[in-house]
Amino acid sequence: MPAPRRATPSVPVSVPPAGDERVVELTRRLASVLTELGLSEVEVESADLRVRVQRTSVVAPTVVAPAAVAAAVATTPERPLVAEVGGPTLVKVEAPMVGTFYRASSPTADPYVQEGDVVKEGQVLCIIEAMKLMNEIESKAAGRVAKILVENSQPVEYGQPLFLIEPQA
């Protein structure tokens, strides 16, 4: 049975405009709050900016930041942060259930998709195992797989983003 999710306390912060050096500082402060309070995730959203810091392992949190900040965050050597960009043009494929994420049908099979692959709407992207049942997760849009957000064999929660798809026009 999965552990109950802890409530994320609201952290009062003023959100600066994207591309500003203060966004990098905000990201660092959120990562610090994450570690300090023992949270798995903290998110701040403004009109044109969304910063989400999520712990993917004991050591390194994952950061979702705007494109202008992604390069600055990724090149900051003193913090083990990984930048991921999720703009308004990308389609998020989220976990419809709690379970274990698998990229392939078996440990020896090739993954269903790789980053950069072109997919059709309804194409199988991965499997989520829940209660010994294998559930195929399909693409919500036709396009290119921009980012795979979960590692193979990792537990996922309901609503957790799994893939970012760049839709084709």
N, C-alpha and C. Protein backbone atom coordinates (compact mmCIF):
# COMPACT_ATOMS: atom_id res chain seq x y z
N MET A 1 0.86 -1.18 0.00
CA MET A 1 0.00 0.00 0.00
C MET A 1 0.90 1.23 0.00
N PRO A 2 0.66 2.20 -0.90
CA PRO A 2 1.53 3.36 -0.96
C PRO A 2 1.38 4.23 0.27
N ALA A 3 2.48 4.90 0.63
CA ALA A 3 2.46 5.79 1.77
C ALA A 3 1.56 6.98 1.47
N PRO A 4 0.83 7.48 2.47
CA PRO A 4 -0.02 8.64 2.22
C PRO A 4 0.83 9.84 1.84
N ARG A 5 0.29 10.65 0.96
CA ARG A 5 1.00 11.84 0.51
C ARG A 5 0.92 12.93 1.55
N ARG A 6 2.06 13.54 1.86
CA ARG A 6 2.09 14.62 2.83
C ARG A 6 1.63 15.91 2.17
N ALA A 7 0.94 16.70 2.92
CA ALA A 7 0.49 17.99 2.39
C ALA A 7 1.70 18.89 2.20
N THR A 8 1.72 19.59 1.09
CA THR A 8 2.81 20.51 0.79
C THR A 8 2.46 21.85 1.42
N PRO A 9 3.30 22.33 2.36
CA PRO A 9 2.99 23.63 2.95
C PRO A 9 3.18 24.72 1.91
N SER A 10 2.37 25.76 2.00
CA SER A 10 2.55 26.86 1.06
C SER A 10 3.75 27.67 1.51
N VAL A 11 4.61 27.97 0.56
CA VAL A 11 5.82 28.72 0.84
C VAL A 11 5.65 30.10 0.24
N PRO A 12 5.57 31.15 1.07
CA PRO A 12 5.37 32.49 0.50
C PRO A 12 6.63 32.96 -0.20
N VAL A 13 6.55 33.11 -1.51
CA VAL A 13 7.66 33.63 -2.29
C VAL A 13 7.09 34.55 -3.36
N SER A 14 7.88 35.55 -3.73
CA SER A 14 7.46 36.38 -4.85
C SER A 14 8.12 35.82 -6.09
N VAL A 15 7.35 35.61 -7.14
CA VAL A 15 7.85 34.98 -8.35
C VAL A 15 8.32 36.06 -9.32
N PRO A 16 9.62 36.09 -9.64
CA PRO A 16 10.17 37.09 -10.55
C PRO A 16 9.88 36.72 -12.00
N PRO A 17 10.05 37.65 -12.93
CA PRO A 17 9.83 37.35 -14.34
C PRO A 17 10.82 36.31 -14.85
N ALA A 18 10.39 35.50 -15.87
CA ALA A 18 11.23 34.44 -16.43
C ALA A 18 12.49 35.04 -17.02
N GLY A 19 13.59 34.29 -16.96
CA GLY A 19 14.85 34.74 -17.53
C GLY A 19 15.66 35.58 -16.57
N ASP A 20 15.10 35.93 -15.45
CA ASP A 20 15.76 36.76 -14.47
C ASP A 20 16.65 35.88 -13.58
N GLU A 21 17.75 36.41 -13.12
CA GLU A 21 18.66 35.69 -12.24
C GLU A 21 17.96 35.30 -10.94
N ARG A 22 16.92 36.05 -10.57
CA ARG A 22 16.19 35.74 -9.35
C ARG A 22 15.42 34.43 -9.46
N VAL A 23 15.09 33.99 -10.68
CA VAL A 23 14.40 32.71 -10.86
C VAL A 23 15.31 31.56 -10.44
N VAL A 24 16.58 31.71 -10.77
CA VAL A 24 17.54 30.68 -10.35
C VAL A 24 17.61 30.64 -8.83
N GLU A 25 17.62 31.81 -8.20
CA GLU A 25 17.65 31.86 -6.74
C GLU A 25 16.37 31.26 -6.15
N LEU A 26 15.21 31.52 -6.78
CA LEU A 26 13.95 30.93 -6.34
C LEU A 26 14.03 29.41 -6.41
N THR A 27 14.58 28.91 -7.49
CA THR A 27 14.72 27.47 -7.66
C THR A 27 15.59 26.88 -6.56
N ARG A 28 16.68 27.55 -6.27
CA ARG A 28 17.57 27.08 -5.18
C ARG A 28 16.85 27.11 -3.84
N ARG A 29 16.08 28.17 -3.59
CA ARG A 29 15.36 28.27 -2.32
C ARG A 29 14.32 27.16 -2.19
N LEU A 30 13.63 26.86 -3.30
CA LEU A 30 12.64 25.78 -3.27
C LEU A 30 13.30 24.44 -3.02
N ALA A 31 14.45 24.20 -3.64
CA ALA A 31 15.19 22.95 -3.41
C ALA A 31 15.61 22.87 -1.95
N SER A 32 16.01 23.99 -1.38
CA SER A 32 16.40 24.03 0.02
C SER A 32 15.21 23.72 0.94
N VAL A 33 14.04 24.31 0.63
CA VAL A 33 12.83 24.05 1.41
C VAL A 33 12.45 22.57 1.31
N LEU A 34 12.59 22.00 0.12
CA LEU A 34 12.29 20.59 -0.11
C LEU A 34 13.11 19.71 0.83
N THR A 35 14.41 19.97 0.87
CA THR A 35 15.31 19.18 1.71
C THR A 35 15.06 19.45 3.19
N GLU A 36 14.93 20.71 3.52
CA GLU A 36 14.76 21.12 4.91
C GLU A 36 13.51 20.52 5.56
N LEU A 37 12.40 20.48 4.82
CA LEU A 37 11.14 19.98 5.36
C LEU A 37 10.91 18.50 5.07
N GLY A 38 11.82 17.87 4.32
CA GLY A 38 11.67 16.46 4.00
C GLY A 38 10.53 16.17 3.06
N LEU A 39 10.21 17.12 2.18
CA LEU A 39 9.11 16.94 1.23
C LEU A 39 9.59 16.22 -0.01
N SER A 40 8.66 15.63 -0.75
CA SER A 40 9.02 15.00 -2.01
C SER A 40 8.81 15.94 -3.19
N GLU A 41 8.02 17.02 -2.98
CA GLU A 41 7.71 17.91 -4.08
C GLU A 41 7.24 19.26 -3.55
N VAL A 42 7.62 20.34 -4.24
CA VAL A 42 7.10 21.66 -3.94
C VAL A 42 6.95 22.40 -5.27
N GLU A 43 5.88 23.18 -5.42
CA GLU A 43 5.60 23.84 -6.69
C GLU A 43 5.12 25.26 -6.45
N VAL A 44 5.62 26.18 -7.31
CA VAL A 44 5.17 27.57 -7.29
C VAL A 44 4.77 27.92 -8.70
N GLU A 45 3.58 28.56 -8.84
CA GLU A 45 3.10 28.89 -10.18
C GLU A 45 2.66 30.34 -10.20
N SER A 46 3.00 31.01 -11.31
CA SER A 46 2.62 32.39 -11.54
C SER A 46 2.02 32.47 -12.94
N ALA A 47 1.69 33.65 -13.39
CA ALA A 47 1.05 33.82 -14.70
C ALA A 47 1.84 33.17 -15.83
N ASP A 48 3.15 33.42 -15.93
CA ASP A 48 3.94 32.88 -17.04
C ASP A 48 5.10 32.02 -16.57
N LEU A 49 5.06 31.57 -15.33
CA LEU A 49 6.19 30.82 -14.78
C LEU A 49 5.68 29.72 -13.87
N ARG A 50 6.26 28.55 -14.03
CA ARG A 50 5.93 27.43 -13.15
C ARG A 50 7.24 26.77 -12.77
N VAL A 51 7.52 26.69 -11.49
CA VAL A 51 8.73 26.03 -11.01
C VAL A 51 8.29 24.92 -10.06
N ARG A 52 8.69 23.69 -10.40
CA ARG A 52 8.36 22.54 -9.57
C ARG A 52 9.65 21.82 -9.25
N VAL A 53 9.91 21.61 -7.98
CA VAL A 53 11.09 20.86 -7.53
C VAL A 53 10.57 19.57 -6.93
N GLN A 54 11.05 18.45 -7.49
CA GLN A 54 10.56 17.14 -7.07
C GLN A 54 11.74 16.25 -6.78
N ARG A 55 11.71 15.57 -5.66
CA ARG A 55 12.78 14.65 -5.28
C ARG A 55 12.56 13.33 -6.03
N THR A 56 13.54 12.94 -6.86
CA THR A 56 13.45 11.68 -7.58
C THR A 56 14.29 10.60 -6.93
N SER A 57 15.21 11.01 -6.08
CA SER A 57 16.02 10.06 -5.33
C SER A 57 16.41 10.74 -4.03
N VAL A 58 17.14 10.05 -3.20
CA VAL A 58 17.55 10.62 -1.92
C VAL A 58 18.48 11.81 -2.12
N VAL A 59 19.25 11.82 -3.21
CA VAL A 59 20.28 12.84 -3.39
C VAL A 59 19.83 14.01 -4.25
N ALA A 60 19.28 13.76 -5.42
CA ALA A 60 19.08 14.83 -6.40
C ALA A 60 17.61 15.12 -6.67
N PRO A 61 17.15 16.36 -6.43
CA PRO A 61 15.80 16.72 -6.83
C PRO A 61 15.74 17.03 -8.31
N THR A 62 14.51 16.98 -8.87
CA THR A 62 14.29 17.35 -10.27
C THR A 62 13.60 18.70 -10.29
N VAL A 63 14.00 19.55 -11.21
CA VAL A 63 13.44 20.90 -11.28
C VAL A 63 12.78 21.10 -12.63
N VAL A 64 11.56 21.62 -12.62
CA VAL A 64 10.89 22.02 -13.85
C VAL A 64 10.90 23.54 -13.85
N ALA A 65 11.52 24.12 -14.87
CA ALA A 65 11.69 25.57 -14.92
C ALA A 65 11.48 26.06 -16.34
N PRO A 66 11.30 27.37 -16.54
CA PRO A 66 11.16 27.89 -17.90
C PRO A 66 12.45 27.75 -18.69
N ALA A 67 12.33 27.79 -20.03
CA ALA A 67 13.47 27.56 -20.91
C ALA A 67 14.62 28.52 -20.65
N ALA A 68 14.33 29.77 -20.36
CA ALA A 68 15.39 30.74 -20.13
C ALA A 68 16.24 30.39 -18.91
N VAL A 69 15.64 29.72 -17.94
CA VAL A 69 16.34 29.38 -16.72
C VAL A 69 16.97 28.00 -16.80
N ALA A 70 16.46 27.14 -17.67
CA ALA A 70 16.92 25.76 -17.74
C ALA A 70 18.42 25.67 -17.94
N ALA A 71 19.00 26.48 -18.82
CA ALA A 71 20.44 26.43 -19.06
C ALA A 71 21.20 26.87 -17.83
N ALA A 72 20.74 27.92 -17.16
CA ALA A 72 21.42 28.42 -15.97
C ALA A 72 21.38 27.38 -14.85
N VAL A 73 20.24 26.73 -14.66
CA VAL A 73 20.11 25.72 -13.61
C VAL A 73 20.95 24.50 -13.94
N ALA A 74 20.96 24.07 -15.20
CA ALA A 74 21.69 22.88 -15.59
C ALA A 74 23.19 23.06 -15.48
N THR A 75 23.70 24.29 -15.61
CA THR A 75 25.13 24.51 -15.57
C THR A 75 25.64 24.95 -14.21
N THR A 76 24.77 25.02 -13.20
CA THR A 76 25.19 25.40 -11.87
C THR A 76 25.84 24.20 -11.20
N PRO A 77 27.17 24.18 -11.02
CA PRO A 77 27.85 22.99 -10.52
C PRO A 77 27.62 22.69 -9.05
N GLU A 78 27.31 23.70 -8.21
CA GLU A 78 27.20 23.45 -6.78
C GLU A 78 25.90 22.76 -6.38
N ARG A 79 24.93 22.64 -7.26
CA ARG A 79 23.66 21.99 -6.95
C ARG A 79 23.44 20.81 -7.90
N PRO A 80 23.07 19.64 -7.38
CA PRO A 80 22.78 18.51 -8.27
C PRO A 80 21.35 18.58 -8.79
N LEU A 81 21.04 19.60 -9.59
CA LEU A 81 19.70 19.78 -10.13
C LEU A 81 19.67 19.44 -11.60
N VAL A 82 18.56 18.86 -12.06
CA VAL A 82 18.37 18.55 -13.46
C VAL A 82 17.21 19.40 -13.95
N ALA A 83 17.41 20.13 -15.03
CA ALA A 83 16.36 21.01 -15.54
C ALA A 83 15.54 20.29 -16.60
N GLU A 84 14.23 20.45 -16.51
CA GLU A 84 13.31 19.92 -17.51
C GLU A 84 12.35 21.03 -17.87
N VAL A 85 12.13 21.21 -19.14
CA VAL A 85 11.28 22.30 -19.59
C VAL A 85 9.94 21.73 -20.02
N GLY A 86 8.86 22.29 -19.50
CA GLY A 86 7.52 21.87 -19.88
C GLY A 86 6.73 23.09 -20.29
N GLY A 87 6.81 23.47 -21.52
CA GLY A 87 6.13 24.67 -22.00
C GLY A 87 4.68 24.39 -22.31
N PRO A 88 3.95 25.44 -22.67
CA PRO A 88 2.52 25.27 -22.93
C PRO A 88 2.24 24.47 -24.20
N THR A 89 3.24 24.31 -25.11
CA THR A 89 3.01 23.58 -26.35
C THR A 89 3.19 22.07 -26.18
N LEU A 90 3.73 21.63 -25.08
CA LEU A 90 3.96 20.21 -24.86
C LEU A 90 2.74 19.57 -24.20
N VAL A 91 2.42 18.34 -24.62
CA VAL A 91 1.31 17.59 -24.04
C VAL A 91 1.89 16.65 -22.99
N LYS A 92 1.33 16.71 -21.77
CA LYS A 92 1.78 15.85 -20.69
C LYS A 92 0.96 14.57 -20.70
N VAL A 93 1.64 13.43 -20.65
CA VAL A 93 0.96 12.15 -20.46
C VAL A 93 1.19 11.79 -19.00
N GLU A 94 0.10 11.69 -18.24
CA GLU A 94 0.18 11.46 -16.81
C GLU A 94 -0.24 10.04 -16.45
N ALA A 95 0.24 9.59 -15.30
CA ALA A 95 -0.12 8.26 -14.81
C ALA A 95 -1.59 8.25 -14.40
N PRO A 96 -2.38 7.33 -14.96
CA PRO A 96 -3.79 7.26 -14.59
C PRO A 96 -4.04 6.46 -13.31
N MET A 97 -2.96 5.95 -12.71
CA MET A 97 -3.09 5.11 -11.51
C MET A 97 -1.76 5.06 -10.77
N VAL A 98 -1.80 4.52 -9.58
CA VAL A 98 -0.60 4.26 -8.80
C VAL A 98 -0.06 2.90 -9.23
N GLY A 99 1.24 2.78 -9.39
CA GLY A 99 1.82 1.49 -9.77
C GLY A 99 3.30 1.62 -10.07
N THR A 100 3.82 0.65 -10.80
CA THR A 100 5.23 0.63 -11.19
C THR A 100 5.34 0.86 -12.69
N PHE A 101 6.17 1.81 -13.07
CA PHE A 101 6.36 2.23 -14.46
C PHE A 101 7.36 1.31 -15.15
N TYR A 102 6.99 0.80 -16.32
CA TYR A 102 7.90 -0.02 -17.14
C TYR A 102 7.90 0.52 -18.56
N ARG A 103 9.09 0.70 -19.13
CA ARG A 103 9.23 1.22 -20.49
C ARG A 103 9.05 0.15 -21.55
N ALA A 104 9.12 -1.14 -21.17
CA ALA A 104 9.03 -2.24 -22.12
C ALA A 104 8.12 -3.32 -21.56
N SER A 105 7.70 -4.24 -22.45
CA SER A 105 6.80 -5.32 -22.03
C SER A 105 7.48 -6.39 -21.20
N SER A 106 8.81 -6.48 -21.28
CA SER A 106 9.57 -7.42 -20.46
C SER A 106 10.98 -6.86 -20.28
N PRO A 107 11.73 -7.39 -19.33
CA PRO A 107 13.09 -6.86 -19.09
C PRO A 107 14.03 -7.00 -20.30
N THR A 108 13.78 -7.96 -21.17
CA THR A 108 14.66 -8.17 -22.33
C THR A 108 14.15 -7.50 -23.60
N ALA A 109 12.91 -6.99 -23.57
CA ALA A 109 12.32 -6.35 -24.76
C ALA A 109 12.81 -4.91 -24.92
N ASP A 110 12.75 -4.42 -26.15
CA ASP A 110 13.09 -3.02 -26.42
C ASP A 110 12.00 -2.13 -25.82
N PRO A 111 12.37 -0.92 -25.39
CA PRO A 111 11.35 0.01 -24.87
C PRO A 111 10.32 0.34 -25.94
N TYR A 112 9.11 0.64 -25.50
CA TYR A 112 8.05 1.02 -26.44
C TYR A 112 8.46 2.27 -27.22
N VAL A 113 8.99 3.27 -26.52
CA VAL A 113 9.42 4.51 -27.18
C VAL A 113 10.70 5.03 -26.55
N GLN A 114 11.43 5.82 -27.33
CA GLN A 114 12.63 6.52 -26.87
C GLN A 114 12.36 8.01 -27.03
N GLU A 115 13.14 8.84 -26.35
CA GLU A 115 13.05 10.28 -26.57
C GLU A 115 13.38 10.56 -28.03
N GLY A 116 12.58 11.40 -28.67
CA GLY A 116 12.79 11.73 -30.07
C GLY A 116 11.94 10.92 -31.02
N ASP A 117 11.35 9.81 -30.55
CA ASP A 117 10.50 8.99 -31.41
C ASP A 117 9.21 9.73 -31.76
N VAL A 118 8.72 9.49 -32.98
CA VAL A 118 7.43 10.03 -33.40
C VAL A 118 6.38 8.99 -33.05
N VAL A 119 5.29 9.43 -32.38
CA VAL A 119 4.24 8.52 -31.95
C VAL A 119 2.89 8.98 -32.51
N LYS A 120 1.97 8.02 -32.59
CA LYS A 120 0.60 8.30 -33.03
C LYS A 120 -0.29 8.38 -31.80
N GLU A 121 -1.41 9.06 -31.93
CA GLU A 121 -2.37 9.10 -30.84
C GLU A 121 -2.87 7.67 -30.61
N GLY A 122 -2.88 7.24 -29.36
CA GLY A 122 -3.31 5.89 -29.02
C GLY A 122 -2.20 4.86 -29.02
N GLN A 123 -0.99 5.24 -29.43
CA GLN A 123 0.15 4.31 -29.43
C GLN A 123 0.60 4.05 -27.99
N VAL A 124 0.95 2.79 -27.68
CA VAL A 124 1.40 2.42 -26.34
C VAL A 124 2.77 3.06 -26.08
N LEU A 125 2.88 3.75 -24.94
CA LEU A 125 4.13 4.40 -24.55
C LEU A 125 4.87 3.63 -23.46
N CYS A 126 4.10 2.99 -22.57
CA CYS A 126 4.69 2.29 -21.44
C CYS A 126 3.63 1.38 -20.81
N ILE A 127 4.04 0.73 -19.73
CA ILE A 127 3.13 -0.11 -18.95
C ILE A 127 3.22 0.34 -17.50
N ILE A 128 2.08 0.37 -16.82
CA ILE A 128 2.09 0.57 -15.38
C ILE A 128 1.49 -0.69 -14.76
N GLU A 129 2.29 -1.31 -13.90
CA GLU A 129 1.83 -2.51 -13.19
C GLU A 129 1.15 -2.08 -11.90
N ALA A 130 -0.09 -2.52 -11.73
CA ALA A 130 -0.85 -2.23 -10.52
C ALA A 130 -1.56 -3.50 -10.09
N MET A 131 -1.27 -3.96 -8.91
CA MET A 131 -1.89 -5.17 -8.36
C MET A 131 -1.71 -6.36 -9.30
N LYS A 132 -0.49 -6.52 -9.79
CA LYS A 132 -0.11 -7.63 -10.68
C LYS A 132 -0.79 -7.59 -12.05
N LEU A 133 -1.45 -6.47 -12.38
CA LEU A 133 -2.04 -6.29 -13.71
C LEU A 133 -1.19 -5.31 -14.49
N MET A 134 -0.93 -5.63 -15.75
CA MET A 134 -0.14 -4.75 -16.62
C MET A 134 -1.09 -3.87 -17.43
N ASN A 135 -1.01 -2.57 -17.22
CA ASN A 135 -1.90 -1.60 -17.88
C ASN A 135 -1.10 -0.80 -18.90
N GLU A 136 -1.49 -0.91 -20.18
CA GLU A 136 -0.81 -0.16 -21.23
C GLU A 136 -1.25 1.29 -21.18
N ILE A 137 -0.28 2.21 -21.22
CA ILE A 137 -0.56 3.64 -21.22
C ILE A 137 -0.32 4.15 -22.63
N GLU A 138 -1.34 4.81 -23.19
CA GLU A 138 -1.29 5.25 -24.58
C GLU A 138 -1.06 6.75 -24.68
N SER A 139 -0.54 7.17 -25.82
CA SER A 139 -0.31 8.58 -26.09
C SER A 139 -1.62 9.32 -26.26
N LYS A 140 -1.70 10.52 -25.70
CA LYS A 140 -2.90 11.35 -25.83
C LYS A 140 -2.87 12.19 -27.10
N ALA A 141 -1.71 12.24 -27.77
CA ALA A 141 -1.58 13.08 -28.96
C ALA A 141 -0.55 12.48 -29.90
N ALA A 142 -0.68 12.81 -31.18
CA ALA A 142 0.35 12.44 -32.15
C ALA A 142 1.45 13.48 -32.08
N GLY A 143 2.70 13.02 -32.16
CA GLY A 143 3.81 13.96 -32.10
C GLY A 143 5.12 13.26 -31.80
N ARG A 144 6.07 14.04 -31.29
CA ARG A 144 7.40 13.55 -30.98
C ARG A 144 7.56 13.47 -29.46
N VAL A 145 8.15 12.38 -28.96
CA VAL A 145 8.41 12.24 -27.52
C VAL A 145 9.55 13.19 -27.18
N ALA A 146 9.22 14.28 -26.47
CA ALA A 146 10.22 15.29 -26.12
C ALA A 146 11.01 14.87 -24.89
N LYS A 147 10.36 14.24 -23.92
CA LYS A 147 11.04 13.88 -22.67
C LYS A 147 10.33 12.73 -22.00
N ILE A 148 11.11 11.79 -21.49
CA ILE A 148 10.59 10.71 -20.65
C ILE A 148 10.97 11.10 -19.23
N LEU A 149 9.97 11.30 -18.37
CA LEU A 149 10.19 11.89 -17.06
C LEU A 149 10.38 10.88 -15.93
N VAL A 150 10.21 9.58 -16.21
CA VAL A 150 10.29 8.57 -15.16
C VAL A 150 11.30 7.50 -15.58
N GLU A 151 12.07 7.01 -14.64
CA GLU A 151 13.01 5.93 -14.90
C GLU A 151 12.28 4.59 -14.87
N ASN A 152 12.79 3.62 -15.62
CA ASN A 152 12.21 2.29 -15.67
C ASN A 152 12.17 1.66 -14.28
N SER A 153 11.10 0.94 -13.99
CA SER A 153 10.89 0.20 -12.74
C SER A 153 10.67 1.09 -11.53
N GLN A 154 10.35 2.37 -11.74
CA GLN A 154 10.12 3.28 -10.62
C GLN A 154 8.64 3.33 -10.27
N PRO A 155 8.32 3.50 -8.99
CA PRO A 155 6.91 3.68 -8.62
C PRO A 155 6.40 5.04 -9.09
N VAL A 156 5.15 5.08 -9.50
CA VAL A 156 4.52 6.33 -9.92
C VAL A 156 3.21 6.52 -9.17
N GLU A 157 2.79 7.78 -9.05
CA GLU A 157 1.55 8.11 -8.38
C GLU A 157 0.52 8.59 -9.39
N TYR A 158 -0.73 8.55 -9.01
CA TYR A 158 -1.80 9.04 -9.86
C TYR A 158 -1.54 10.50 -10.23
N GLY A 159 -1.63 10.81 -11.52
CA GLY A 159 -1.45 12.18 -11.99
C GLY A 159 0.00 12.61 -12.19
N GLN A 160 0.95 11.75 -11.89
CA GLN A 160 2.36 12.08 -12.07
C GLN A 160 2.69 12.13 -13.55
N PRO A 161 3.35 13.19 -14.03
CA PRO A 161 3.74 13.26 -15.44
C PRO A 161 4.74 12.16 -15.79
N LEU A 162 4.48 11.48 -16.91
CA LEU A 162 5.36 10.39 -17.37
C LEU A 162 6.14 10.81 -18.61
N PHE A 163 5.46 11.45 -19.55
CA PHE A 163 6.05 11.84 -20.83
C PHE A 163 5.64 13.25 -21.18
N LEU A 164 6.50 13.93 -21.95
CA LEU A 164 6.14 15.19 -22.59
C LEU A 164 6.17 14.93 -24.08
N ILE A 165 5.07 15.24 -24.77
CA ILE A 165 4.95 15.00 -26.20
C ILE A 165 4.82 16.36 -26.91
N GLU A 166 5.63 16.55 -27.91
CA GLU A 166 5.55 17.75 -28.73
C GLU A 166 4.58 17.43 -29.87
N PRO A 167 3.37 18.00 -29.84
CA PRO A 167 2.36 17.64 -30.84
C PRO A 167 2.76 18.06 -32.25
N GLN A 168 2.32 17.28 -33.24
CA GLN A 168 2.56 17.62 -34.64
C GLN A 168 1.33 18.36 -35.16
N ALA A 169 1.59 19.37 -35.98
CA ALA A 169 0.48 20.17 -36.51
C ALA A 169 -0.17 19.49 -37.69
